[in-house]
PDB file of N, CA and C in Angstrom:
ATOM      1  N   MET A   1     134.445 323.942  82.806  1.00  0.00           N
ATOM      2  CA  MET A   1     133.847 322.668  82.429  1.00  0.00           C
ATOM      3  C   MET A   1     133.259 322.828  81.023  1.00  0.00           C
ATOM      4  N   SER A   2     133.516 321.831  80.181  1.00  0.00           N
ATOM      5  CA  SER A   2     133.034 321.910  78.806  1.00  0.00           C
ATOM      6  C   SER A   2     131.518 321.717  78.753  1.00  0.00           C
ATOM      7  N   LEU A   3     130.944 322.112  77.647  1.00  0.00           N
ATOM      8  CA  LEU A   3     129.497 321.974  77.454  1.00  0.00           C
ATOM      9  C   LEU A   3     129.083 320.510  77.500  1.00  0.00           C
ATOM     10  N   MET A   4     129.862 319.654  76.873  1.00  0.00           N
ATOM     11  CA  MET A   4     129.534 318.219  76.861  1.00  0.00           C
ATOM     12  C   MET A   4     129.575 317.637  78.270  1.00  0.00           C
ATOM     13  N   LYS A   5     130.561 318.027  79.054  1.00  0.00           N
ATOM     14  CA  LYS A   5     130.648 317.523  80.425  1.00  0.00           C
ATOM     15  C   LYS A   5     129.463 318.007  81.254  1.00  0.00           C
ATOM     16  N   SER A   6     129.076 319.259  81.033  1.00  0.00           N
ATOM     17  CA  SER A   6     127.923 319.799  81.759  1.00  0.00           C
ATOM     18  C   SER A   6     126.645 319.066  81.368  1.00  0.00           C
ATOM     19  N   ALA A   7     126.477 318.812  80.076  1.00  0.00           N
ATOM     20  CA  ALA A   7     125.288 318.103  79.610  1.00  0.00           C
ATOM     21  C   ALA A   7     125.253 316.677  80.159  1.00  0.00           C
ATOM     22  N   LEU A   8     126.394 316.011  80.157  1.00  0.00           N
ATOM     23  CA  LEU A   8     126.465 314.651  80.678  1.00  0.00           C
ATOM     24  C   LEU A   8     126.176 314.624  82.177  1.00  0.00           C
ATOM     25  N   ARG A   9     126.713 315.592  82.875  1.00  0.00           N
ATOM     26  CA  ARG A   9     126.465 315.679  84.321  1.00  0.00           C
ATOM     27  C   ARG A   9     124.976 315.884  84.608  1.00  0.00           C
ATOM     28  N   PHE A  10     124.328 316.762  83.832  1.00  0.00           N
ATOM     29  CA  PHE A  10     122.893 316.989  83.992  1.00  0.00           C
ATOM     30  C   PHE A  10     122.107 315.728  83.655  1.00  0.00           C
ATOM     31  N   ALA A  11     122.479 315.060  82.566  1.00  0.00           N
ATOM     32  CA  ALA A  11     121.756 313.850  82.141  1.00  0.00           C
ATOM     33  C   ALA A  11     121.792 312.763  83.207  1.00  0.00           C
ATOM     34  N   LYS A  12     122.867 312.713  83.962  1.00  0.00           N
ATOM     35  CA  LYS A  12     123.002 311.685  85.002  1.00  0.00           C
ATOM     36  C   LYS A  12     122.309 312.082  86.304  1.00  0.00           C
ATOM     37  N   SER A  13     121.919 313.339  86.427  1.00  0.00           N
ATOM     38  CA  SER A  13     121.273 313.804  87.662  1.00  0.00           C
ATOM     39  C   SER A  13     119.804 313.393  87.683  1.00  0.00           C
ATOM     40  N   ALA A  14     119.179 313.507  88.848  1.00  0.00           N
ATOM     41  CA  ALA A  14     117.757 313.180  88.979  1.00  0.00           C
ATOM     42  C   ALA A  14     116.905 314.099  88.102  1.00  0.00           C
ATOM     43  N   ALA A  15     117.252 315.373  88.074  1.00  0.00           N
ATOM     44  CA  ALA A  15     116.502 316.321  87.240  1.00  0.00           C
ATOM     45  C   ALA A  15     116.656 315.984  85.758  1.00  0.00           C
ATOM     46  N   GLY A  16     117.839 315.559  85.357  1.00  0.00           N
ATOM     47  CA  GLY A  16     118.066 315.174  83.974  1.00  0.00           C
ATOM     48  C   GLY A  16     117.262 313.941  83.583  1.00  0.00           C
ATOM     49  N   ARG A  17     117.197 312.971  84.479  1.00  0.00           N
ATOM     50  CA  ARG A  17     116.400 311.771  84.202  1.00  0.00           C
ATOM     51  C   ARG A  17     114.922 312.116  84.112  1.00  0.00           C
ATOM     52  N   ARG A  18     114.453 313.001  84.997  1.00  0.00           N
ATOM     53  CA  ARG A  18     113.045 313.425  84.925  1.00  0.00           C
ATOM     54  C   ARG A  18     112.768 314.118  83.596  1.00  0.00           C
ATOM     55  N   ALA A  19     113.666 315.008  83.183  1.00  0.00           N
ATOM     56  CA  ALA A  19     113.487 315.732  81.917  1.00  0.00           C
ATOM     57  C   ALA A  19     113.472 314.761  80.740  1.00  0.00           C
ATOM     58  N   PHE A  20     114.346 313.754  80.779  1.00  0.00           N
ATOM     59  CA  PHE A  20     114.395 312.766  79.707  1.00  0.00           C
ATOM     60  C   PHE A  20     113.081 312.003  79.601  1.00  0.00           C
ATOM     61  N   TYR A  21     112.578 311.517  80.715  1.00  0.00           N
ATOM     62  CA  TYR A  21     111.342 310.740  80.678  1.00  0.00           C
ATOM     63  C   TYR A  21     110.129 311.599  80.327  1.00  0.00           C
ATOM     64  N   GLU A  22     110.137 312.845  80.755  1.00  0.00           N
ATOM     65  CA  GLU A  22     109.047 313.757  80.383  1.00  0.00           C
ATOM     66  C   GLU A  22     109.077 314.022  78.875  1.00  0.00           C
ATOM     67  N   ALA A  23     110.265 314.236  78.320  1.00  0.00           N
ATOM     68  CA  ALA A  23     110.391 314.457  76.876  1.00  0.00           C
ATOM     69  C   ALA A  23     109.965 313.211  76.106  1.00  0.00           C
ATOM     70  N   LYS A  24     110.342 312.061  76.610  1.00  0.00           N
ATOM     71  CA  LYS A  24     109.962 310.802  75.960  1.00  0.00           C
ATOM     72  C   LYS A  24     108.446 310.630  75.976  1.00  0.00           C
ATOM     73  N   ARG A  25     107.822 310.947  77.111  1.00  0.00           N
ATOM     74  CA  ARG A  25     106.371 310.834  77.229  1.00  0.00           C
ATOM     75  C   ARG A  25     105.678 311.794  76.267  1.00  0.00           C
ATOM     76  N   LEU A  26     106.158 313.027  76.212  1.00  0.00           N
ATOM     77  CA  LEU A  26     105.564 314.020  75.321  1.00  0.00           C
ATOM     78  C   LEU A  26     105.754 313.642  73.856  1.00  0.00           C
ATOM     79  N   ALA A  27     106.885 313.034  73.526  1.00  0.00           N
ATOM     80  CA  ALA A  27     107.147 312.633  72.150  1.00  0.00           C
ATOM     81  C   ALA A  27     106.199 311.525  71.693  1.00  0.00           C
ATOM     82  N   GLN A  28     105.680 310.761  72.621  1.00  0.00           N
ATOM     83  CA  GLN A  28     104.774 309.671  72.267  1.00  0.00           C
ATOM     84  C   GLN A  28     103.318 310.127  72.186  1.00  0.00           C
ATOM     85  N   ASP A  29     103.029 311.337  72.653  1.00  0.00           N
ATOM     86  CA  ASP A  29     101.663 311.858  72.657  1.00  0.00           C
ATOM     87  C   ASP A  29     101.336 312.420  71.266  1.00  0.00           C
ATOM     88  N   PRO A  30     100.301 311.905  70.587  1.00  0.00           N
ATOM     89  CA  PRO A  30      99.974 312.375  69.232  1.00  0.00           C
ATOM     90  C   PRO A  30      99.706 313.876  69.153  1.00  0.00           C
ATOM     91  N   ARG A  31      99.053 314.432  70.164  1.00  0.00           N
ATOM     92  CA  ARG A  31      98.749 315.865  70.145  1.00  0.00           C
ATOM     93  C   ARG A  31     100.035 316.699  70.203  1.00  0.00           C
ATOM     94  N   THR A  32     100.955 316.302  71.079  1.00  0.00           N
ATOM     95  CA  THR A  32     102.230 317.013  71.203  1.00  0.00           C
ATOM     96  C   THR A  32     103.048 316.866  69.928  1.00  0.00           C
ATOM     97  N   ARG A  33     103.021 315.669  69.334  1.00  0.00           N
ATOM     98  CA  ARG A  33     103.748 315.452  68.080  1.00  0.00           C
ATOM     99  C   ARG A  33     103.209 316.371  66.985  1.00  0.00           C
ATOM    100  N   GLN A  34     101.890 316.535  66.922  1.00  0.00           N
ATOM    101  CA  GLN A  34     101.293 317.412  65.909  1.00  0.00           C
ATOM    102  C   GLN A  34     101.698 318.865  66.156  1.00  0.00           C
ATOM    103  N   GLN A  35     101.703 319.283  67.424  1.00  0.00           N
ATOM    104  CA  GLN A  35     102.106 320.651  67.744  1.00  0.00           C
ATOM    105  C   GLN A  35     103.563 320.890  67.348  1.00  0.00           C
ATOM    106  N   ALA A  36     104.420 319.916  67.617  1.00  0.00           N
ATOM    107  CA  ALA A  36     105.831 320.050  67.259  1.00  0.00           C
ATOM    108  C   ALA A  36     105.988 320.107  65.743  1.00  0.00           C
ATOM    109  N   LYS A  37     105.252 319.269  65.030  1.00  0.00           N
ATOM    110  CA  LYS A  37     105.320 319.254  63.571  1.00  0.00           C
ATOM    111  C   LYS A  37     104.903 320.609  63.003  1.00  0.00           C
ATOM    112  N   GLU A  38     103.819 321.166  63.545  1.00  0.00           N
ATOM    113  CA  GLU A  38     103.347 322.470  63.068  1.00  0.00           C
ATOM    114  C   GLU A  38     104.377 323.562  63.357  1.00  0.00           C
ATOM    115  N   ALA A  39     105.015 323.492  64.519  1.00  0.00           N
ATOM    116  CA  ALA A  39     106.023 324.496  64.863  1.00  0.00           C
ATOM    117  C   ALA A  39     107.223 324.401  63.923  1.00  0.00           C
ATOM    118  N   PHE A  40     107.688 323.180  63.646  1.00  0.00           N
ATOM    119  CA  PHE A  40     108.810 323.014  62.730  1.00  0.00           C
ATOM    120  C   PHE A  40     108.439 323.468  61.322  1.00  0.00           C
ATOM    121  N   ASP A  41     107.227 323.135  60.882  1.00  0.00           N
ATOM    122  CA  ASP A  41     106.782 323.555  59.556  1.00  0.00           C
ATOM    123  C   ASP A  41     106.722 325.075  59.465  1.00  0.00           C
ATOM    124  N   LYS A  42     106.263 325.713  60.529  1.00  0.00           N
ATOM    125  CA  LYS A  42     106.162 327.167  60.544  1.00  0.00           C
ATOM    126  C   LYS A  42     107.555 327.799  60.449  1.00  0.00           C
ATOM    127  N   ILE A  43     108.509 327.235  61.184  1.00  0.00           N
ATOM    128  CA  ILE A  43     109.877 327.750  61.137  1.00  0.00           C
ATOM    129  C   ILE A  43     110.482 327.494  59.758  1.00  0.00           C
ATOM    130  N   ARG A  44     110.278 326.305  59.245  1.00  0.00           N
ATOM    131  CA  ARG A  44     110.841 325.900  57.956  1.00  0.00           C
ATOM    132  C   ARG A  44     110.303 326.778  56.836  1.00  0.00           C
ATOM    133  N   ASN A  45     109.040 327.171  56.909  1.00  0.00           N
ATOM    134  CA  ASN A  45     108.404 327.943  55.839  1.00  0.00           C
ATOM    135  C   ASN A  45     108.323 329.426  56.147  1.00  0.00           C
ATOM    136  N   LYS A  46     109.000 329.875  57.172  1.00  0.00           N
ATOM    137  CA  LYS A  46     108.931 331.283  57.568  1.00  0.00           C
ATOM    138  C   LYS A  46     109.368 332.172  56.411  1.00  0.00           C
ATOM    139  N   GLY A  47     108.608 333.182  56.179  1.00  0.00           N
ATOM    140  CA  GLY A  47     108.920 334.109  55.109  1.00  0.00           C
ATOM    141  C   GLY A  47     108.115 333.853  53.861  1.00  0.00           C
ATOM    142  N   GLY A  48     107.503 332.699  53.744  1.00  0.00           N
ATOM    143  CA  GLY A  48     106.646 332.401  52.609  1.00  0.00           C
ATOM    144  C   GLY A  48     107.353 332.320  51.277  1.00  0.00           C
ATOM    145  N   ASN A  49     108.645 331.983  51.285  1.00  0.00           N
ATOM    146  CA  ASN A  49     109.368 331.893  50.023  1.00  0.00           C
ATOM    147  C   ASN A  49     109.850 330.473  49.765  1.00  0.00           C
ATOM    148  N   GLY A  50     109.067 329.509  50.144  1.00  0.00           N
ATOM    149  CA  GLY A  50     109.406 328.134  49.846  1.00  0.00           C
ATOM    150  C   GLY A  50     110.480 327.544  50.731  1.00  0.00           C
ATOM    151  N   GLY A  51     110.759 328.156  51.867  1.00  0.00           N
ATOM    152  CA  GLY A  51     111.728 327.600  52.789  1.00  0.00           C
ATOM    153  C   GLY A  51     113.170 327.866  52.403  1.00  0.00           C
ATOM    154  N   ARG A  52     113.411 328.885  51.597  1.00  0.00           N
ATOM    155  CA  ARG A  52     114.777 329.171  51.180  1.00  0.00           C
ATOM    156  C   ARG A  52     115.436 330.227  52.056  1.00  0.00           C
ATOM    157  N   GLY A  53     114.896 330.482  53.212  1.00  0.00           N
ATOM    158  CA  GLY A  53     115.502 331.446  54.116  1.00  0.00           C
ATOM    159  C   GLY A  53     115.189 332.873  53.725  1.00  0.00           C
ATOM    160  N   GLY A  54     115.868 333.797  54.345  1.00  0.00           N
ATOM    161  CA  GLY A  54     115.649 335.196  54.037  1.00  0.00           C
ATOM    162  C   GLY A  54     114.455 335.751  54.782  1.00  0.00           C
ATOM    163  N   SER A  55     114.148 337.010  54.474  1.00  0.00           N
ATOM    164  CA  SER A  55     113.070 337.681  55.184  1.00  0.00           C
ATOM    165  C   SER A  55     111.716 337.457  54.531  1.00  0.00           C
ATOM    166  N   GLY A  56     111.715 336.973  53.311  1.00  0.00           N
ATOM    167  CA  GLY A  56     110.461 336.764  52.607  1.00  0.00           C
ATOM    168  C   GLY A  56     109.958 338.010  51.925  1.00  0.00           C
ATOM    169  N   GLY A  57     110.654 339.118  52.098  1.00  0.00           N
ATOM    170  CA  GLY A  57     110.237 340.362  51.473  1.00  0.00           C
ATOM    171  C   GLY A  57     110.838 340.517  50.091  1.00  0.00           C
ATOM    172  N   ASP A  58     110.314 341.448  49.333  1.00  0.00           N
ATOM    173  CA  ASP A  58     110.827 341.759  48.009  1.00  0.00           C
ATOM    174  C   ASP A  58     111.536 343.103  48.126  1.00  0.00           C
ATOM    175  N   ALA A  59     112.826 343.134  47.852  1.00  0.00           N
ATOM    176  CA  ALA A  59     113.619 344.346  48.073  1.00  0.00           C
ATOM    177  C   ALA A  59     113.074 345.540  47.305  1.00  0.00           C
ATOM    178  N   GLY A  60     112.405 345.299  46.180  1.00  0.00           N
ATOM    179  CA  GLY A  60     111.869 346.406  45.406  1.00  0.00           C
ATOM    180  C   GLY A  60     110.400 346.638  45.662  1.00  0.00           C
ATOM    181  N   GLY A  61     109.819 345.900  46.556  1.00  0.00           N
ATOM    182  CA  GLY A  61     108.391 345.981  46.814  1.00  0.00           C
ATOM    183  C   GLY A  61     108.034 347.127  47.729  1.00  0.00           C
ATOM    184  N   PRO A  62     106.782 347.209  48.106  1.00  0.00           N
ATOM    185  CA  PRO A  62     106.284 348.316  48.909  1.00  0.00           C
ATOM    186  C   PRO A  62     106.973 348.446  50.258  1.00  0.00           C
ATOM    187  N   SER A  63     107.428 347.354  50.830  1.00  0.00           N
ATOM    188  CA  SER A  63     108.010 347.455  52.169  1.00  0.00           C
ATOM    189  C   SER A  63     109.528 347.438  52.155  1.00  0.00           C
ATOM    190  N   GLY A  64     110.157 347.348  50.991  1.00  0.00           N
ATOM    191  CA  GLY A  64     111.604 347.203  50.980  1.00  0.00           C
ATOM    192  C   GLY A  64     112.328 348.317  50.288  1.00  0.00           C
ATOM    193  N   GLY A  65     113.024 349.126  51.007  1.00  0.00           N
ATOM    194  CA  GLY A  65     113.901 350.118  50.441  1.00  0.00           C
ATOM    195  C   GLY A  65     113.199 351.321  49.859  1.00  0.00           C
ATOM    196  N   PRO A  66     113.992 352.320  49.494  1.00  0.00           N
ATOM    197  CA  PRO A  66     113.423 353.552  48.917  1.00  0.00           C
ATOM    198  C   PRO A  66     112.876 353.296  47.526  1.00  0.00           C
ATOM    199  N   GLN A  67     111.827 354.003  47.174  1.00  0.00           N
ATOM    200  CA  GLN A  67     111.167 353.869  45.885  1.00  0.00           C
ATOM    201  C   GLN A  67     111.400 355.152  45.078  1.00  0.00           C
ATOM    202  N   PRO A  68     111.493 355.008  43.758  1.00  0.00           N
ATOM    203  CA  PRO A  68     111.620 356.223  42.944  1.00  0.00           C
ATOM    204  C   PRO A  68     110.323 357.007  43.003  1.00  0.00           C
ATOM    205  N   PRO A  69     110.390 358.321  42.781  1.00  0.00           N
ATOM    206  CA  PRO A  69     109.169 359.119  42.796  1.00  0.00           C
ATOM    207  C   PRO A  69     108.197 358.641  41.730  1.00  0.00           C
ATOM    208  N   ALA A  70     106.918 358.747  42.019  1.00  0.00           N
ATOM    209  CA  ALA A  70     105.890 358.309  41.075  1.00  0.00           C
ATOM    210  C   ALA A  70     105.913 359.196  39.838  1.00  0.00           C
ATOM    211  N   GLY A  71     105.644 358.597  38.664  1.00  0.00           N
ATOM    212  CA  GLY A  71     105.556 359.341  37.424  1.00  0.00           C
ATOM    213  C   GLY A  71     106.883 359.505  36.711  1.00  0.00           C
ATOM    214  N   ARG A  72     107.924 358.874  37.167  1.00  0.00           N
ATOM    215  CA  ARG A  72     109.215 358.991  36.485  1.00  0.00           C
ATOM    216  C   ARG A  72     109.644 357.669  35.937  1.00  0.00           C
TER     217      ARG A  72
END
């Protein structure tokens, strides 16, 4: 069974309808909306490099890769 057929089958079930209405209720709650916004912002800005992806580390910095010996 394809993923779409499985999703449609679930959506038509009693459990699927309950999940839909619960999600709709939570989406209308200002507190839940703020929590979701903060979570998306945290994911979007992960790494602290302006949201451009990556690990946020500097390859030549203290935590990235081998460093040349000091004094050379």
